[in-house]
Amino acid sequence: MSVASLSSNGTTFLSEFENGKPTVELGRVLRVLDSLGIAVTIDIPIEQESLSDAQRKRMSQIIDGIDL
């Protein structure tokens, strides 16, 4: 079974990712990495208290939008 199948991505996407296409979707990239057993952590060096309500809401939307 191919990585494309394991990660629920097509071969075109996987080829674009492998070849460094700068506009690939982060969620799809994370699915590929997850299917390979690669864990990714994101360290955001910002104190939550220093964010505005709008920034906290947007950050939450981004995090919730990452679909593995």
PDB file of N, CA and C in Angstrom:
ATOM      1  N   MET A   1       0.853  -1.181   0.000  1.00  0.00           N
ATOM      2  CA  MET A   1       0.000   0.000   0.000  1.00  0.00           C
ATOM      3  C   MET A   1       0.895   1.239   0.000  1.00  0.00           C
ATOM      4  N   SER A   2       0.538   2.244  -0.753  1.00  0.00           N
ATOM      5  CA  SER A   2       1.376   3.431  -0.882  1.00  0.00           C
ATOM      6  C   SER A   2       1.067   4.458   0.203  1.00  0.00           C
ATOM      7  N   VAL A   3       2.003   5.371   0.401  1.00  0.00           N
ATOM      8  CA  VAL A   3       1.811   6.448   1.372  1.00  0.00           C
ATOM      9  C   VAL A   3       0.605   7.284   0.976  1.00  0.00           C
ATOM     10  N   ALA A   4       0.391   7.481  -0.303  1.00  0.00           N
ATOM     11  CA  ALA A   4      -0.767   8.253  -0.757  1.00  0.00           C
ATOM     12  C   ALA A   4      -2.055   7.598  -0.252  1.00  0.00           C
ATOM     13  N   SER A   5      -2.153   6.286  -0.375  1.00  0.00           N
ATOM     14  CA  SER A   5      -3.345   5.570   0.092  1.00  0.00           C
ATOM     15  C   SER A   5      -3.450   5.589   1.605  1.00  0.00           C
ATOM     16  N   LEU A   6      -2.341   5.348   2.279  1.00  0.00           N
ATOM     17  CA  LEU A   6      -2.350   5.325   3.745  1.00  0.00           C
ATOM     18  C   LEU A   6      -2.770   6.658   4.345  1.00  0.00           C
ATOM     19  N   SER A   7      -2.431   7.744   3.669  1.00  0.00           N
ATOM     20  CA  SER A   7      -2.729   9.072   4.210  1.00  0.00           C
ATOM     21  C   SER A   7      -3.995   9.686   3.624  1.00  0.00           C
ATOM     22  N   SER A   8      -4.723   8.922   2.834  1.00  0.00           N
ATOM     23  CA  SER A   8      -5.950   9.417   2.184  1.00  0.00           C
ATOM     24  C   SER A   8      -5.680  10.617   1.282  1.00  0.00           C
ATOM     25  N   ASN A   9      -4.543  10.601   0.634  1.00  0.00           N
ATOM     26  CA  ASN A   9      -4.187  11.631  -0.333  1.00  0.00           C
ATOM     27  C   ASN A   9      -3.947  10.970  -1.682  1.00  0.00           C
ATOM     28  N   GLY A  10      -4.076  11.738  -2.727  1.00  0.00           N
ATOM     29  CA  GLY A  10      -3.817  11.210  -4.053  1.00  0.00           C
ATOM     30  C   GLY A  10      -2.343  11.261  -4.399  1.00  0.00           C
ATOM     31  N   THR A  11      -1.991  10.575  -5.451  1.00  0.00           N
ATOM     32  CA  THR A  11      -0.593  10.539  -5.874  1.00  0.00           C
ATOM     33  C   THR A  11      -0.114  11.895  -6.391  1.00  0.00           C
ATOM     34  N   THR A  12      -1.010  12.683  -6.958  1.00  0.00           N
ATOM     35  CA  THR A  12      -0.626  14.015  -7.436  1.00  0.00           C
ATOM     36  C   THR A  12      -0.203  14.879  -6.256  1.00  0.00           C
ATOM     37  N   PHE A  13      -1.028  14.884  -5.198  1.00  0.00           N
ATOM     38  CA  PHE A  13      -0.680  15.670  -4.010  1.00  0.00           C
ATOM     39  C   PHE A  13       0.658  15.199  -3.442  1.00  0.00           C
ATOM     40  N   LEU A  14       0.816  13.888  -3.298  1.00  0.00           N
ATOM     41  CA  LEU A  14       2.039  13.353  -2.710  1.00  0.00           C
ATOM     42  C   LEU A  14       3.259  13.743  -3.542  1.00  0.00           C
ATOM     43  N   SER A  15       3.139  13.694  -4.845  1.00  0.00           N
ATOM     44  CA  SER A  15       4.240  14.095  -5.724  1.00  0.00           C
ATOM     45  C   SER A  15       4.572  15.575  -5.533  1.00  0.00           C
ATOM     46  N   GLU A  16       3.545  16.414  -5.454  1.00  0.00           N
ATOM     47  CA  GLU A  16       3.768  17.849  -5.246  1.00  0.00           C
ATOM     48  C   GLU A  16       4.460  18.088  -3.910  1.00  0.00           C
ATOM     49  N   PHE A  17       4.025  17.384  -2.858  1.00  0.00           N
ATOM     50  CA  PHE A  17       4.625  17.504  -1.532  1.00  0.00           C
ATOM     51  C   PHE A  17       6.084  17.063  -1.580  1.00  0.00           C
ATOM     52  N   GLU A  18       6.340  15.910  -2.174  1.00  0.00           N
ATOM     53  CA  GLU A  18       7.709  15.384  -2.255  1.00  0.00           C
ATOM     54  C   GLU A  18       8.638  16.315  -3.037  1.00  0.00           C
ATOM     55  N   ASN A  19       8.078  17.019  -4.001  1.00  0.00           N
ATOM     56  CA  ASN A  19       8.889  17.904  -4.835  1.00  0.00           C
ATOM     57  C   ASN A  19       8.947  19.333  -4.318  1.00  0.00           C
ATOM     58  N   GLY A  20       8.412  19.569  -3.113  1.00  0.00           N
ATOM     59  CA  GLY A  20       8.565  20.865  -2.460  1.00  0.00           C
ATOM     60  C   GLY A  20       7.642  21.962  -2.925  1.00  0.00           C
ATOM     61  N   LYS A  21       6.469  21.604  -3.443  1.00  0.00           N
ATOM     62  CA  LYS A  21       5.515  22.642  -3.846  1.00  0.00           C
ATOM     63  C   LYS A  21       5.209  23.516  -2.631  1.00  0.00           C
ATOM     64  N   PRO A  22       5.388  24.828  -2.735  1.00  0.00           N
ATOM     65  CA  PRO A  22       5.263  25.699  -1.561  1.00  0.00           C
ATOM     66  C   PRO A  22       3.839  25.928  -1.066  1.00  0.00           C
ATOM     67  N   THR A  23       2.840  25.515  -1.822  1.00  0.00           N
ATOM     68  CA  THR A  23       1.463  25.820  -1.419  1.00  0.00           C
ATOM     69  C   THR A  23       0.640  24.595  -1.045  1.00  0.00           C
ATOM     70  N   VAL A  24       1.289  23.501  -0.640  1.00  0.00           N
ATOM     71  CA  VAL A  24       0.523  22.321  -0.241  1.00  0.00           C
ATOM     72  C   VAL A  24      -0.217  22.602   1.066  1.00  0.00           C
ATOM     73  N   GLU A  25      -1.336  21.926   1.268  1.00  0.00           N
ATOM     74  CA  GLU A  25      -2.162  22.145   2.451  1.00  0.00           C
ATOM     75  C   GLU A  25      -1.545  21.485   3.679  1.00  0.00           C
ATOM     76  N   LEU A  26      -1.475  22.238   4.776  1.00  0.00           N
ATOM     77  CA  LEU A  26      -0.849  21.753   5.998  1.00  0.00           C
ATOM     78  C   LEU A  26      -1.542  20.510   6.547  1.00  0.00           C
ATOM     79  N   GLY A  27      -2.852  20.493   6.556  1.00  0.00           N
ATOM     80  CA  GLY A  27      -3.573  19.331   7.072  1.00  0.00           C
ATOM     81  C   GLY A  27      -3.240  18.066   6.308  1.00  0.00           C
ATOM     82  N   ARG A  28      -3.116  18.181   5.006  1.00  0.00           N
ATOM     83  CA  ARG A  28      -2.786  17.018   4.183  1.00  0.00           C
ATOM     84  C   ARG A  28      -1.344  16.574   4.426  1.00  0.00           C
ATOM     85  N   VAL A  29      -0.447  17.547   4.594  1.00  0.00           N
ATOM     86  CA  VAL A  29       0.943  17.219   4.916  1.00  0.00           C
ATOM     87  C   VAL A  29       1.011  16.480   6.246  1.00  0.00           C
ATOM     88  N   LEU A  30       0.266  16.965   7.232  1.00  0.00           N
ATOM     89  CA  LEU A  30       0.265  16.316   8.545  1.00  0.00           C
ATOM     90  C   LEU A  30      -0.281  14.894   8.464  1.00  0.00           C
ATOM     91  N   ARG A  31      -1.266  14.658   7.599  1.00  0.00           N
ATOM     92  CA  ARG A  31      -1.775  13.285   7.420  1.00  0.00           C
ATOM     93  C   ARG A  31      -0.703  12.374   6.840  1.00  0.00           C
ATOM     94  N   VAL A  32       0.068  12.888   5.882  1.00  0.00           N
ATOM     95  CA  VAL A  32       1.155  12.095   5.302  1.00  0.00           C
ATOM     96  C   VAL A  32       2.170  11.756   6.388  1.00  0.00           C
ATOM     97  N   LEU A  33       2.596  12.759   7.139  1.00  0.00           N
ATOM     98  CA  LEU A  33       3.584  12.526   8.183  1.00  0.00           C
ATOM     99  C   LEU A  33       3.053  11.558   9.238  1.00  0.00           C
ATOM    100  N   ASP A  34       1.794  11.711   9.621  1.00  0.00           N
ATOM    101  CA  ASP A  34       1.182  10.815  10.603  1.00  0.00           C
ATOM    102  C   ASP A  34       1.164   9.382  10.089  1.00  0.00           C
ATOM    103  N   SER A  35       0.859   9.188   8.818  1.00  0.00           N
ATOM    104  CA  SER A  35       0.814   7.839   8.254  1.00  0.00           C
ATOM    105  C   SER A  35       2.199   7.194   8.235  1.00  0.00           C
ATOM    106  N   LEU A  36       3.244   8.026   8.270  1.00  0.00           N
ATOM    107  CA  LEU A  36       4.617   7.524   8.311  1.00  0.00           C
ATOM    108  C   LEU A  36       5.137   7.394   9.737  1.00  0.00           C
ATOM    109  N   GLY A  37       4.280   7.721  10.711  1.00  0.00           N
ATOM    110  CA  GLY A  37       4.679   7.625  12.113  1.00  0.00           C
ATOM    111  C   GLY A  37       5.517   8.795  12.590  1.00  0.00           C
ATOM    112  N   ILE A  38       5.440   9.902  11.881  1.00  0.00           N
ATOM    113  CA  ILE A  38       6.213  11.093  12.245  1.00  0.00           C
ATOM    114  C   ILE A  38       5.311  12.049  13.018  1.00  0.00           C
ATOM    115  N   ALA A  39       5.690  12.326  14.254  1.00  0.00           N
ATOM    116  CA  ALA A  39       4.930  13.253  15.087  1.00  0.00           C
ATOM    117  C   ALA A  39       5.464  14.666  14.883  1.00  0.00           C
ATOM    118  N   VAL A  40       4.558  15.616  14.804  1.00  0.00           N
ATOM    119  CA  VAL A  40       4.938  17.009  14.619  1.00  0.00           C
ATOM    120  C   VAL A  40       4.373  17.807  15.791  1.00  0.00           C
ATOM    121  N   THR A  41       5.223  18.614  16.390  1.00  0.00           N
ATOM    122  CA  THR A  41       4.748  19.528  17.433  1.00  0.00           C
ATOM    123  C   THR A  41       5.026  20.948  16.983  1.00  0.00           C
ATOM    124  N   ILE A  42       4.161  21.839  17.398  1.00  0.00           N
ATOM    125  CA  ILE A  42       4.314  23.242  17.046  1.00  0.00           C
ATOM    126  C   ILE A  42       4.461  24.018  18.348  1.00  0.00           C
ATOM    127  N   ASP A  43       5.557  24.718  18.472  1.00  0.00           N
ATOM    128  CA  ASP A  43       5.816  25.523  19.656  1.00  0.00           C
ATOM    129  C   ASP A  43       5.621  26.978  19.275  1.00  0.00           C
ATOM    130  N   ILE A  44       4.547  27.550  19.759  1.00  0.00           N
ATOM    131  CA  ILE A  44       4.248  28.942  19.452  1.00  0.00           C
ATOM    132  C   ILE A  44       4.732  29.778  20.626  1.00  0.00           C
ATOM    133  N   PRO A  45       5.818  30.528  20.445  1.00  0.00           N
ATOM    134  CA  PRO A  45       6.422  31.254  21.554  1.00  0.00           C
ATOM    135  C   PRO A  45       5.696  32.552  21.897  1.00  0.00           C
ATOM    136  N   ILE A  46       4.404  32.439  22.082  1.00  0.00           N
ATOM    137  CA  ILE A  46       3.585  33.604  22.424  1.00  0.00           C
ATOM    138  C   ILE A  46       2.778  33.247  23.656  1.00  0.00           C
ATOM    139  N   GLU A  47       2.821  34.101  24.631  1.00  0.00           N
ATOM    140  CA  GLU A  47       1.998  33.893  25.817  1.00  0.00           C
ATOM    141  C   GLU A  47       0.548  34.177  25.451  1.00  0.00           C
ATOM    142  N   GLN A  48      -0.337  33.239  25.759  1.00  0.00           N
ATOM    143  CA  GLN A  48      -1.762  33.397  25.440  1.00  0.00           C
ATOM    144  C   GLN A  48      -2.303  34.718  25.982  1.00  0.00           C
ATOM    145  N   GLU A  49      -1.821  35.128  27.142  1.00  0.00           N
ATOM    146  CA  GLU A  49      -2.326  36.359  27.766  1.00  0.00           C
ATOM    147  C   GLU A  49      -2.004  37.604  26.939  1.00  0.00           C
ATOM    148  N   SER A  50      -0.964  37.533  26.096  1.00  0.00           N
ATOM    149  CA  SER A  50      -0.579  38.698  25.306  1.00  0.00           C
ATOM    150  C   SER A  50      -1.387  38.820  24.012  1.00  0.00           C
ATOM    151  N   LEU A  51      -2.195  37.808  23.698  1.00  0.00           N
ATOM    152  CA  LEU A  51      -3.007  37.844  22.485  1.00  0.00           C
ATOM    153  C   LEU A  51      -4.323  38.564  22.734  1.00  0.00           C
ATOM    154  N   SER A  52      -4.808  39.245  21.720  1.00  0.00           N
ATOM    155  CA  SER A  52      -6.131  39.859  21.803  1.00  0.00           C
ATOM    156  C   SER A  52      -7.184  38.759  21.697  1.00  0.00           C
ATOM    157  N   ASP A  53      -8.418  39.080  22.027  1.00  0.00           N
ATOM    158  CA  ASP A  53      -9.498  38.099  21.897  1.00  0.00           C
ATOM    159  C   ASP A  53      -9.617  37.605  20.462  1.00  0.00           C
ATOM    160  N   ALA A  54      -9.473  38.516  19.499  1.00  0.00           N
ATOM    161  CA  ALA A  54      -9.575  38.145  18.080  1.00  0.00           C
ATOM    162  C   ALA A  54      -8.432  37.206  17.688  1.00  0.00           C
ATOM    163  N   GLN A  55      -7.226  37.470  18.187  1.00  0.00           N
ATOM    164  CA  GLN A  55      -6.094  36.612  17.874  1.00  0.00           C
ATOM    165  C   GLN A  55      -6.259  35.232  18.501  1.00  0.00           C
ATOM    166  N   ARG A  56      -6.750  35.162  19.744  1.00  0.00           N
ATOM    167  CA  ARG A  56      -6.990  33.866  20.394  1.00  0.00           C
ATOM    168  C   ARG A  56      -8.042  33.081  19.628  1.00  0.00           C
ATOM    169  N   LYS A  57      -9.091  33.763  19.184  1.00  0.00           N
ATOM    170  CA  LYS A  57     -10.149  33.096  18.427  1.00  0.00           C
ATOM    171  C   LYS A  57      -9.598  32.552  17.115  1.00  0.00           C
ATOM    172  N   ARG A  58      -8.801  33.355  16.410  1.00  0.00           N
ATOM    173  CA  ARG A  58      -8.236  32.918  15.124  1.00  0.00           C
ATOM    174  C   ARG A  58      -7.279  31.746  15.325  1.00  0.00           C
ATOM    175  N   MET A  59      -6.461  31.802  16.370  1.00  0.00           N
ATOM    176  CA  MET A  59      -5.544  30.699  16.642  1.00  0.00           C
ATOM    177  C   MET A  59      -6.329  29.424  16.909  1.00  0.00           C
ATOM    178  N   SER A  60      -7.396  29.522  17.650  1.00  0.00           N
ATOM    179  CA  SER A  60      -8.240  28.364  17.937  1.00  0.00           C
ATOM    180  C   SER A  60      -8.840  27.799  16.652  1.00  0.00           C
ATOM    181  N   GLN A  61      -9.281  28.683  15.754  1.00  0.00           N
ATOM    182  CA  GLN A  61      -9.854  28.238  14.486  1.00  0.00           C
ATOM    183  C   GLN A  61      -8.809  27.501  13.643  1.00  0.00           C
ATOM    184  N   ILE A  62      -7.602  28.011  13.643  1.00  0.00           N
ATOM    185  CA  ILE A  62      -6.525  27.368  12.873  1.00  0.00           C
ATOM    186  C   ILE A  62      -6.241  25.981  13.428  1.00  0.00           C
ATOM    187  N   ILE A  63      -6.101  25.900  14.742  1.00  0.00           N
ATOM    188  CA  ILE A  63      -5.811  24.618  15.373  1.00  0.00           C
ATOM    189  C   ILE A  63      -6.943  23.640  15.153  1.00  0.00           C
ATOM    190  N   ASP A  64      -8.177  24.094  15.314  1.00  0.00           N
ATOM    191  CA  ASP A  64      -9.333  23.211  15.097  1.00  0.00           C
ATOM    192  C   ASP A  64      -9.454  22.787  13.640  1.00  0.00           C
ATOM    193  N   GLY A  65      -8.933  23.603  12.722  1.00  0.00           N
ATOM    194  CA  GLY A  65      -9.038  23.308  11.296  1.00  0.00           C
ATOM    195  C   GLY A  65      -8.030  22.281  10.789  1.00  0.00           C
ATOM    196  N   ILE A  66      -7.053  21.948  11.621  1.00  0.00           N
ATOM    197  CA  ILE A  66      -6.079  20.932  11.219  1.00  0.00           C
ATOM    198  C   ILE A  66      -6.720  19.578  11.420  1.00  0.00           C
ATOM    199  N   ASP A  67      -7.016  18.940  10.315  1.00  0.00           N
ATOM    200  CA  ASP A  67      -7.760  17.683  10.334  1.00  0.00           C
ATOM    201  C   ASP A  67      -6.849  16.518  10.010  1.00  0.00           C
ATOM    202  N   LEU A  68      -6.584  15.718  11.011  1.00  0.00           N
ATOM    203  CA  LEU A  68      -5.806  14.502  10.768  1.00  0.00           C
ATOM    204  C   LEU A  68      -6.780  13.421  10.521  1.00  0.00           C
TER     205      LEU A  68
END
